[in-house]
Protein backbone atom coordinates (compact mmCIF):
# COMPACT_ATOMS: atom_id res chain seq x y z
CA UNK A 1 -14.63 37.97 -22.22
CA UNK A 2 -11.47 35.95 -20.38
CA UNK A 3 -11.24 32.68 -20.37
CA UNK A 4 -9.54 31.37 -17.55
CA UNK A 5 -8.24 27.19 -17.54
CA UNK A 6 -5.50 26.75 -14.47
CA UNK A 7 -3.34 23.30 -14.63
CA UNK A 8 -0.98 21.31 -12.66
CA UNK A 9 -3.14 20.41 -9.74
CA UNK A 10 -2.32 16.68 -8.50
CA UNK A 11 -0.93 15.24 -5.38
CA UNK A 12 2.08 15.63 -3.38
CA UNK A 13 3.65 14.80 -0.02
CA UNK A 14 4.90 17.35 2.47
CA UNK A 15 7.50 19.41 1.37
CA UNK A 16 7.73 18.82 -2.40
CA UNK A 17 6.47 20.97 -5.01
CA UNK A 18 3.96 22.63 -7.44
CA UNK A 19 3.34 23.76 -10.40
CA UNK A 20 0.40 25.94 -11.67
CA UNK A 21 -0.79 27.41 -14.47
CA UNK A 22 -3.08 29.70 -15.68
CA UNK A 23 -3.56 29.84 -19.35
CA UNK A 24 -5.92 33.08 -20.13
CA UNK A 25 -7.56 33.68 -23.79
CA UNK A 26 -10.42 36.11 -25.43
CA UNK A 27 -9.77 39.67 -24.70
CA UNK A 28 -6.46 39.19 -22.63
CA UNK A 29 -5.06 42.97 -23.56
CA UNK A 30 -7.91 43.92 -20.68
CA UNK A 31 -6.03 42.17 -18.12
CA UNK A 32 -4.50 44.04 -15.66
CA UNK A 33 -4.61 42.50 -12.27
CA UNK A 34 -4.59 38.65 -11.92
CA UNK A 35 -4.04 36.63 -8.45
CA UNK A 36 -3.82 33.03 -7.55
CA UNK A 37 -7.02 32.82 -4.92
CA UNK A 38 -7.33 29.03 -2.59
CA UNK A 39 -10.30 27.45 -1.27
CA UNK A 40 -10.16 24.44 1.61
CA UNK A 41 -13.07 22.63 3.25
CA UNK A 42 -15.39 24.02 5.02
CA UNK A 43 -13.39 27.60 4.95
CA UNK A 44 -13.71 30.88 2.93
CA UNK A 45 -12.18 31.68 -0.66
CA UNK A 46 -8.82 33.37 0.30
CA UNK A 47 -6.50 35.38 -1.79
CA UNK A 48 -2.72 33.71 -2.19
CA UNK A 49 -0.74 35.57 -4.61
CA UNK A 50 -1.48 38.53 -6.74
CA UNK A 51 0.78 39.76 -9.78
CA UNK A 52 0.60 43.10 -11.75
CA UNK A 53 1.27 44.85 -15.32
CA UNK A 54 4.14 46.13 -13.94
CA UNK A 55 4.97 42.63 -12.18
CA UNK A 56 4.21 44.03 -9.20
CA UNK A 57 3.12 41.20 -6.38
CA UNK A 58 2.04 40.21 -3.20
CA UNK A 59 2.03 37.50 -0.79
CA UNK A 60 -0.51 36.32 1.95
CA UNK A 61 1.81 35.95 5.06
CA UNK A 62 1.06 32.01 4.88
CA UNK A 63 2.66 31.66 1.58
CA UNK A 64 5.51 33.93 2.20
CA UNK A 65 9.09 32.96 1.24
CA UNK A 66 7.61 29.18 -0.14
CA UNK A 67 5.08 30.02 -3.37
CA UNK A 68 6.39 31.90 -6.56
CA UNK A 69 3.69 34.26 -8.99
CA UNK A 70 4.80 35.01 -12.03
CA UNK A 71 3.43 35.62 -15.43
CA UNK A 72 4.84 35.38 -19.37
CA UNK A 73 2.65 37.76 -21.67
CA UNK A 74 4.02 36.05 -24.16
CA UNK A 75 2.40 32.69 -23.37
CA UNK A 76 -0.87 34.66 -21.78
CA UNK A 77 0.09 32.77 -19.25
CA UNK A 78 0.18 33.25 -14.95
CA UNK A 79 1.97 30.87 -13.07
CA UNK A 80 2.04 29.43 -9.78
CA UNK A 81 5.05 27.93 -8.36
CA UNK A 82 4.32 26.63 -4.81
CA UNK A 83 7.52 25.17 -2.76
CA UNK A 84 8.16 23.52 0.67
CA UNK A 85 4.17 22.27 0.39
CA UNK A 86 2.61 21.40 3.82
CA UNK A 87 -0.98 19.98 4.24
CA UNK A 88 -2.16 23.46 5.18
CA UNK A 89 -2.29 23.94 1.27
CA UNK A 90 -4.12 21.47 0.75
CA UNK A 91 -7.36 23.35 -0.65
CA UNK A 92 -8.95 24.18 -4.83
CA UNK A 93 -6.72 26.64 -6.33
CA UNK A 94 -8.15 29.48 -8.35
CA UNK A 95 -7.25 31.47 -11.12
CA UNK A 96 -8.30 35.15 -11.17
CA UNK A 97 -8.14 37.94 -13.96
CA UNK A 98 -9.63 41.54 -13.29
CA UNK A 99 -10.20 43.45 -16.39
CA UNK A 100 -10.30 47.33 -17.23
CA UNK A 101 -13.54 48.24 -15.93
CA UNK A 102 -13.88 46.31 -13.20
CA UNK A 103 -14.94 42.42 -14.41
CA UNK A 104 -13.72 39.42 -12.32
CA UNK A 105 -13.46 36.29 -14.10
CA UNK A 106 -12.34 32.80 -12.46
CA UNK A 107 -11.21 29.32 -13.78
CA UNK A 108 -12.84 26.02 -12.52
CA UNK A 109 -10.26 25.86 -9.85
CA UNK A 110 -8.13 22.33 -9.75
CA UNK A 111 -7.19 20.87 -7.17
CA UNK A 112 -3.93 20.61 -4.63
CA UNK A 113 -3.44 18.01 -2.30
CA UNK A 114 -1.39 17.62 -0.18
CA UNK A 115 -0.15 15.06 2.32
CA UNK A 116 1.30 14.19 5.36
């Protein structure tokens, strides 16, 4: 089992920045892929960014050049640095982890609200 806890969400004006954190605990050594997803009201959950054990990263086109995903293995924590935030980035952001064997784990989500 893996537990994921997000933090760092909040209210920010357009053009501002936020840094989300996802702290992992439990059988962390079984994680090989982690990602940030988001879900806006009335919309489906979408992939924002992902990172693997080799630190290869991928980003949704809508956040490329503005968001940066990273991880600190010593702290068992993944981050999402979000710059130049836009109102359309408003959503609940979820941390996701995939372990060997294919099981998915999710955090409880953290709200990000960007005002215009």
